[in-house]
Amino acid sequence: MKLVNVTNSHSRLVLNQLENTDAHLVKVYTAGNTTIVYTEAPEHNEILLINDKRKIQPKEIEDAIKLFLR
């Protein structure tokens, strides 16, 4: 899965996450039609996969976990 960092294109989302949660890092990536929001906080990390055109495939979930939680 090839990811493109599009964090700068989602500045409002990033700013809201940083202001309203305990997150200290928010990154947004895209892999085709799938958007991935990765958030780091002191107590936990979150990975959110979004695709409005089709279901998220199990392989995409596995790849995202391997990539962000290594």
PDB file of N, CA and C in Angstrom:
ATOM      1  N   MET A   1       0.851  -1.167   0.000  1.00  0.00           N
ATOM      2  CA  MET A   1       0.000   0.000   0.000  1.00  0.00           C
ATOM      3  C   MET A   1       0.902   1.236   0.000  1.00  0.00           C
ATOM      4  N   LYS A   2       0.760   2.077  -1.010  1.00  0.00           N
ATOM      5  CA  LYS A   2       1.536   3.307  -1.091  1.00  0.00           C
ATOM      6  C   LYS A   2       0.716   4.446  -0.493  1.00  0.00           C
ATOM      7  N   LEU A   3       1.287   5.119   0.500  1.00  0.00           N
ATOM      8  CA  LEU A   3       0.589   6.206   1.179  1.00  0.00           C
ATOM      9  C   LEU A   3       1.160   7.552   0.763  1.00  0.00           C
ATOM     10  N   VAL A   4       0.284   8.522   0.627  1.00  0.00           N
ATOM     11  CA  VAL A   4       0.671   9.899   0.338  1.00  0.00           C
ATOM     12  C   VAL A   4       0.242  10.746   1.526  1.00  0.00           C
ATOM     13  N   ASN A   5       1.173  11.503   2.087  1.00  0.00           N
ATOM     14  CA  ASN A   5       0.876  12.361   3.231  1.00  0.00           C
ATOM     15  C   ASN A   5       0.091  13.580   2.745  1.00  0.00           C
ATOM     16  N   VAL A   6      -1.155  13.719   3.220  1.00  0.00           N
ATOM     17  CA  VAL A   6      -2.016  14.840   2.832  1.00  0.00           C
ATOM     18  C   VAL A   6      -2.450  15.636   4.063  1.00  0.00           C
ATOM     19  N   THR A   7      -1.615  15.617   5.094  1.00  0.00           N
ATOM     20  CA  THR A   7      -1.945  16.295   6.348  1.00  0.00           C
ATOM     21  C   THR A   7      -2.222  17.778   6.122  1.00  0.00           C
ATOM     22  N   ASN A   8      -1.421  18.434   5.288  1.00  0.00           N
ATOM     23  CA  ASN A   8      -1.602  19.868   5.050  1.00  0.00           C
ATOM     24  C   ASN A   8      -2.938  20.184   4.383  1.00  0.00           C
ATOM     25  N   SER A   9      -3.484  19.256   3.638  1.00  0.00           N
ATOM     26  CA  SER A   9      -4.776  19.464   2.982  1.00  0.00           C
ATOM     27  C   SER A   9      -5.950  19.324   3.947  1.00  0.00           C
ATOM     28  N   HIS A  10      -5.695  18.775   5.127  1.00  0.00           N
ATOM     29  CA  HIS A  10      -6.746  18.561   6.127  1.00  0.00           C
ATOM     30  C   HIS A  10      -6.419  19.332   7.401  1.00  0.00           C
ATOM     31  N   SER A  11      -5.981  20.560   7.250  1.00  0.00           N
ATOM     32  CA  SER A  11      -5.513  21.340   8.400  1.00  0.00           C
ATOM     33  C   SER A  11      -6.611  21.592   9.431  1.00  0.00           C
ATOM     34  N   ARG A  12      -7.843  21.782   8.996  1.00  0.00           N
ATOM     35  CA  ARG A  12      -8.939  22.020   9.945  1.00  0.00           C
ATOM     36  C   ARG A  12      -9.188  20.783  10.810  1.00  0.00           C
ATOM     37  N   LEU A  13      -9.188  19.610  10.199  1.00  0.00           N
ATOM     38  CA  LEU A  13      -9.344  18.356  10.942  1.00  0.00           C
ATOM     39  C   LEU A  13      -8.213  18.188  11.952  1.00  0.00           C
ATOM     40  N   VAL A  14      -6.992  18.420  11.521  1.00  0.00           N
ATOM     41  CA  VAL A  14      -5.829  18.270  12.403  1.00  0.00           C
ATOM     42  C   VAL A  14      -5.915  19.249  13.563  1.00  0.00           C
ATOM     43  N   LEU A  15      -6.221  20.489  13.281  1.00  0.00           N
ATOM     44  CA  LEU A  15      -6.319  21.503  14.330  1.00  0.00           C
ATOM     45  C   LEU A  15      -7.408  21.149  15.345  1.00  0.00           C
ATOM     46  N   ASN A  16      -8.574  20.706  14.868  1.00  0.00           N
ATOM     47  CA  ASN A  16      -9.654  20.306  15.779  1.00  0.00           C
ATOM     48  C   ASN A  16      -9.249  19.123  16.645  1.00  0.00           C
ATOM     49  N   GLN A  17      -8.581  18.145  16.061  1.00  0.00           N
ATOM     50  CA  GLN A  17      -8.133  16.985  16.834  1.00  0.00           C
ATOM     51  C   GLN A  17      -7.141  17.399  17.918  1.00  0.00           C
ATOM     52  N   LEU A  18      -6.209  18.262  17.573  1.00  0.00           N
ATOM     53  CA  LEU A  18      -5.194  18.679  18.537  1.00  0.00           C
ATOM     54  C   LEU A  18      -5.789  19.537  19.651  1.00  0.00           C
ATOM     55  N   GLU A  19      -6.770  20.365  19.323  1.00  0.00           N
ATOM     56  CA  GLU A  19      -7.381  21.241  20.326  1.00  0.00           C
ATOM     57  C   GLU A  19      -8.358  20.504  21.242  1.00  0.00           C
ATOM     58  N   ASN A  20      -9.090  19.536  20.713  1.00  0.00           N
ATOM     59  CA  ASN A  20     -10.202  18.944  21.457  1.00  0.00           C
ATOM     60  C   ASN A  20      -9.941  17.550  22.015  1.00  0.00           C
ATOM     61  N   THR A  21      -8.771  17.007  21.792  1.00  0.00           N
ATOM     62  CA  THR A  21      -8.442  15.685  22.329  1.00  0.00           C
ATOM     63  C   THR A  21      -7.082  15.751  22.997  1.00  0.00           C
ATOM     64  N   ASP A  22      -6.655  14.632  23.562  1.00  0.00           N
ATOM     65  CA  ASP A  22      -5.338  14.581  24.195  1.00  0.00           C
ATOM     66  C   ASP A  22      -4.236  14.237  23.194  1.00  0.00           C
ATOM     67  N   ALA A  23      -4.546  14.250  21.916  1.00  0.00           N
ATOM     68  CA  ALA A  23      -3.575  13.910  20.877  1.00  0.00           C
ATOM     69  C   ALA A  23      -2.459  14.945  20.810  1.00  0.00           C
ATOM     70  N   HIS A  24      -1.256  14.459  20.524  1.00  0.00           N
ATOM     71  CA  HIS A  24      -0.136  15.372  20.315  1.00  0.00           C
ATOM     72  C   HIS A  24       0.424  15.247  18.899  1.00  0.00           C
ATOM     73  N   LEU A  25      -0.092  14.287  18.120  1.00  0.00           N
ATOM     74  CA  LEU A  25       0.326  14.118  16.730  1.00  0.00           C
ATOM     75  C   LEU A  25      -0.862  13.619  15.920  1.00  0.00           C
ATOM     76  N   VAL A  26      -1.142  14.277  14.805  1.00  0.00           N
ATOM     77  CA  VAL A  26      -2.199  13.842  13.891  1.00  0.00           C
ATOM     78  C   VAL A  26      -1.633  13.903  12.480  1.00  0.00           C
ATOM     79  N   LYS A  27      -1.703  12.797  11.766  1.00  0.00           N
ATOM     80  CA  LYS A  27      -1.243  12.737  10.379  1.00  0.00           C
ATOM     81  C   LYS A  27      -2.365  12.155   9.536  1.00  0.00           C
ATOM     82  N   VAL A  28      -2.510  12.660   8.315  1.00  0.00           N
ATOM     83  CA  VAL A  28      -3.541  12.179   7.394  1.00  0.00           C
ATOM     84  C   VAL A  28      -2.845  11.702   6.119  1.00  0.00           C
ATOM     85  N   TYR A  29      -3.184  10.485   5.711  1.00  0.00           N
ATOM     86  CA  TYR A  29      -2.607   9.884   4.514  1.00  0.00           C
ATOM     87  C   TYR A  29      -3.731   9.429   3.606  1.00  0.00           C
ATOM     88  N   THR A  30      -3.400   9.247   2.329  1.00  0.00           N
ATOM     89  CA  THR A  30      -4.355   8.678   1.398  1.00  0.00           C
ATOM     90  C   THR A  30      -3.678   7.565   0.615  1.00  0.00           C
ATOM     91  N   ALA A  31      -4.447   6.534   0.343  1.00  0.00           N
ATOM     92  CA  ALA A  31      -4.011   5.423  -0.500  1.00  0.00           C
ATOM     93  C   ALA A  31      -5.149   5.178  -1.485  1.00  0.00           C
ATOM     94  N   GLY A  32      -5.140   5.898  -2.580  1.00  0.00           N
ATOM     95  CA  GLY A  32      -6.248   5.804  -3.526  1.00  0.00           C
ATOM     96  C   GLY A  32      -7.489   6.437  -2.936  1.00  0.00           C
ATOM     97  N   ASN A  33      -8.572   5.675  -2.865  1.00  0.00           N
ATOM     98  CA  ASN A  33      -9.829   6.187  -2.309  1.00  0.00           C
ATOM     99  C   ASN A  33      -9.917   6.041  -0.802  1.00  0.00           C
ATOM    100  N   THR A  34      -8.912   5.445  -0.187  1.00  0.00           N
ATOM    101  CA  THR A  34      -8.919   5.224   1.256  1.00  0.00           C
ATOM    102  C   THR A  34      -8.122   6.320   1.948  1.00  0.00           C
ATOM    103  N   THR A  35      -8.736   6.948   2.944  1.00  0.00           N
ATOM    104  CA  THR A  35      -8.069   7.961   3.760  1.00  0.00           C
ATOM    105  C   THR A  35      -7.747   7.342   5.108  1.00  0.00           C
ATOM    106  N   ILE A  36      -6.531   7.599   5.585  1.00  0.00           N
ATOM    107  CA  ILE A  36      -6.086   7.061   6.867  1.00  0.00           C
ATOM    108  C   ILE A  36      -5.712   8.225   7.769  1.00  0.00           C
ATOM    109  N   VAL A  37      -6.326   8.278   8.952  1.00  0.00           N
ATOM    110  CA  VAL A  37      -6.006   9.300   9.948  1.00  0.00           C
ATOM    111  C   VAL A  37      -5.300   8.587  11.095  1.00  0.00           C
ATOM    112  N   TYR A  38      -4.049   8.976  11.328  1.00  0.00           N
ATOM    113  CA  TYR A  38      -3.257   8.379  12.404  1.00  0.00           C
ATOM    114  C   TYR A  38      -3.091   9.412  13.506  1.00  0.00           C
ATOM    115  N   THR A  39      -3.439   9.031  14.742  1.00  0.00           N
ATOM    116  CA  THR A  39      -3.384   9.939  15.884  1.00  0.00           C
ATOM    117  C   THR A  39      -2.585   9.297  17.004  1.00  0.00           C
ATOM    118  N   GLU A  40      -1.648  10.066  17.563  1.00  0.00           N
ATOM    119  CA  GLU A  40      -0.886   9.615  18.730  1.00  0.00           C
ATOM    120  C   GLU A  40      -1.263  10.469  19.920  1.00  0.00           C
ATOM    121  N   ALA A  41      -1.499   9.806  21.045  1.00  0.00           N
ATOM    122  CA  ALA A  41      -1.782  10.466  22.315  1.00  0.00           C
ATOM    123  C   ALA A  41      -0.905   9.792  23.374  1.00  0.00           C
ATOM    124  N   PRO A  42      -0.773  10.405  24.543  1.00  0.00           N
ATOM    125  CA  PRO A  42       0.101   9.819  25.568  1.00  0.00           C
ATOM    126  C   PRO A  42      -0.284   8.389  25.962  1.00  0.00           C
ATOM    127  N   GLU A  43      -1.559   8.081  25.998  1.00  0.00           N
ATOM    128  CA  GLU A  43      -2.007   6.773  26.480  1.00  0.00           C
ATOM    129  C   GLU A  43      -2.389   5.791  25.377  1.00  0.00           C
ATOM    130  N   HIS A  44      -2.549   6.276  24.138  1.00  0.00           N
ATOM    131  CA  HIS A  44      -3.000   5.380  23.077  1.00  0.00           C
ATOM    132  C   HIS A  44      -2.689   5.961  21.704  1.00  0.00           C
ATOM    133  N   ASN A  45      -2.769   5.109  20.690  1.00  0.00           N
ATOM    134  CA  ASN A  45      -2.665   5.507  19.291  1.00  0.00           C
ATOM    135  C   ASN A  45      -3.950   5.080  18.598  1.00  0.00           C
ATOM    136  N   GLU A  46      -4.351   5.834  17.585  1.00  0.00           N
ATOM    137  CA  GLU A  46      -5.563   5.494  16.837  1.00  0.00           C
ATOM    138  C   GLU A  46      -5.266   5.489  15.346  1.00  0.00           C
ATOM    139  N   ILE A  47      -5.878   4.546  14.653  1.00  0.00           N
ATOM    140  CA  ILE A  47      -5.807   4.489  13.195  1.00  0.00           C
ATOM    141  C   ILE A  47      -7.243   4.435  12.690  1.00  0.00           C
ATOM    142  N   LEU A  48      -7.607   5.399  11.864  1.00  0.00           N
ATOM    143  CA  LEU A  48      -8.953   5.463  11.299  1.00  0.00           C
ATOM    144  C   LEU A  48      -8.842   5.319   9.790  1.00  0.00           C
ATOM    145  N   LEU A  49      -9.506   4.328   9.221  1.00  0.00           N
ATOM    146  CA  LEU A  49      -9.533   4.124   7.779  1.00  0.00           C
ATOM    147  C   LEU A  49     -10.920   4.474   7.267  1.00  0.00           C
ATOM    148  N   ILE A  50     -10.984   5.287   6.217  1.00  0.00           N
ATOM    149  CA  ILE A  50     -12.254   5.752   5.659  1.00  0.00           C
ATOM    150  C   ILE A  50     -12.244   5.517   4.150  1.00  0.00           C
ATOM    151  N   ASN A  51     -13.301   4.899   3.650  1.00  0.00           N
ATOM    152  CA  ASN A  51     -13.486   4.766   2.214  1.00  0.00           C
ATOM    153  C   ASN A  51     -14.983   4.817   1.945  1.00  0.00           C
ATOM    154  N   ASP A  52     -15.435   5.859   1.269  1.00  0.00           N
ATOM    155  CA  ASP A  52     -16.863   6.046   0.992  1.00  0.00           C
ATOM    156  C   ASP A  52     -17.342   5.251  -0.222  1.00  0.00           C
ATOM    157  N   LYS A  53     -16.427   4.709  -1.005  1.00  0.00           N
ATOM    158  CA  LYS A  53     -16.790   4.023  -2.244  1.00  0.00           C
ATOM    159  C   LYS A  53     -16.955   2.515  -2.084  1.00  0.00           C
ATOM    160  N   ARG A  54     -16.238   1.924  -1.109  1.00  0.00           N
ATOM    161  CA  ARG A  54     -16.288   0.474  -0.932  1.00  0.00           C
ATOM    162  C   ARG A  54     -15.914   0.125   0.500  1.00  0.00           C
ATOM    163  N   LYS A  55     -16.046  -1.155   0.847  1.00  0.00           N
ATOM    164  CA  LYS A  55     -15.670  -1.618   2.177  1.00  0.00           C
ATOM    165  C   LYS A  55     -14.145  -1.625   2.313  1.00  0.00           C
ATOM    166  N   ILE A  56     -13.687  -1.385   3.521  1.00  0.00           N
ATOM    167  CA  ILE A  56     -12.260  -1.498   3.812  1.00  0.00           C
ATOM    168  C   ILE A  56     -11.899  -2.980   3.789  1.00  0.00           C
ATOM    169  N   GLN A  57     -10.839  -3.318   3.075  1.00  0.00           N
ATOM    170  CA  GLN A  57     -10.409  -4.709   2.960  1.00  0.00           C
ATOM    171  C   GLN A  57      -9.551  -5.112   4.161  1.00  0.00           C
ATOM    172  N   PRO A  58      -9.640  -6.362   4.603  1.00  0.00           N
ATOM    173  CA  PRO A  58      -8.811  -6.821   5.729  1.00  0.00           C
ATOM    174  C   PRO A  58      -7.321  -6.592   5.499  1.00  0.00           C
ATOM    175  N   LYS A  59      -6.864  -6.732   4.270  1.00  0.00           N
ATOM    176  CA  LYS A  59      -5.442  -6.507   3.946  1.00  0.00           C
ATOM    177  C   LYS A  59      -5.053  -5.056   4.214  1.00  0.00           C
ATOM    178  N   GLU A  60      -5.950  -4.117   3.928  1.00  0.00           N
ATOM    179  CA  GLU A  60      -5.669  -2.706   4.194  1.00  0.00           C
ATOM    180  C   GLU A  60      -5.517  -2.459   5.689  1.00  0.00           C
ATOM    181  N   ILE A  61      -6.353  -3.103   6.487  1.00  0.00           N
ATOM    182  CA  ILE A  61      -6.272  -2.953   7.941  1.00  0.00           C
ATOM    183  C   ILE A  61      -4.950  -3.506   8.447  1.00  0.00           C
ATOM    184  N   GLU A  62      -4.588  -4.704   7.984  1.00  0.00           N
ATOM    185  CA  GLU A  62      -3.325  -5.320   8.394  1.00  0.00           C
ATOM    186  C   GLU A  62      -2.138  -4.451   8.008  1.00  0.00           C
ATOM    187  N   ASP A  63      -2.138  -3.934   6.784  1.00  0.00           N
ATOM    188  CA  ASP A  63      -1.036  -3.088   6.319  1.00  0.00           C
ATOM    189  C   ASP A  63      -0.918  -1.815   7.146  1.00  0.00           C
ATOM    190  N   ALA A  64      -2.045  -1.198   7.470  1.00  0.00           N
ATOM    191  CA  ALA A  64      -2.024   0.035   8.265  1.00  0.00           C
ATOM    192  C   ALA A  64      -1.482  -0.236   9.664  1.00  0.00           C
ATOM    193  N   ILE A  65      -1.905  -1.326  10.268  1.00  0.00           N
ATOM    194  CA  ILE A  65      -1.408  -1.663  11.608  1.00  0.00           C
ATOM    195  C   ILE A  65       0.090  -1.910  11.572  1.00  0.00           C
ATOM    196  N   LYS A  66       0.555  -2.670  10.587  1.00  0.00           N
ATOM    197  CA  LYS A  66       1.992  -2.940  10.471  1.00  0.00           C
ATOM    198  C   LYS A  66       2.782  -1.651  10.259  1.00  0.00           C
ATOM    199  N   LEU A  67       2.249  -0.767   9.442  1.00  0.00           N
ATOM    200  CA  LEU A  67       2.965   0.458   9.102  1.00  0.00           C
ATOM    201  C   LEU A  67       3.047   1.433  10.274  1.00  0.00           C
ATOM    202  N   PHE A  68       1.949   1.620  10.989  1.00  0.00           N
ATOM    203  CA  PHE A  68       1.907   2.641  12.029  1.00  0.00           C
ATOM    204  C   PHE A  68       2.262   2.137  13.419  1.00  0.00           C
ATOM    205  N   LEU A  69       2.080   0.869  13.687  1.00  0.00           N
ATOM    206  CA  LEU A  69       2.309   0.358  15.038  1.00  0.00           C
ATOM    207  C   LEU A  69       3.490  -0.603  15.099  1.00  0.00           C
ATOM    208  N   ARG A  70       4.529  -0.323  14.354  1.00  0.00           N
ATOM    209  CA  ARG A  70       5.704  -1.191  14.406  1.00  0.00           C
ATOM    210  C   ARG A  70       6.587  -0.872  15.558  1.00  0.00           C
TER     211      ARG A  70
END
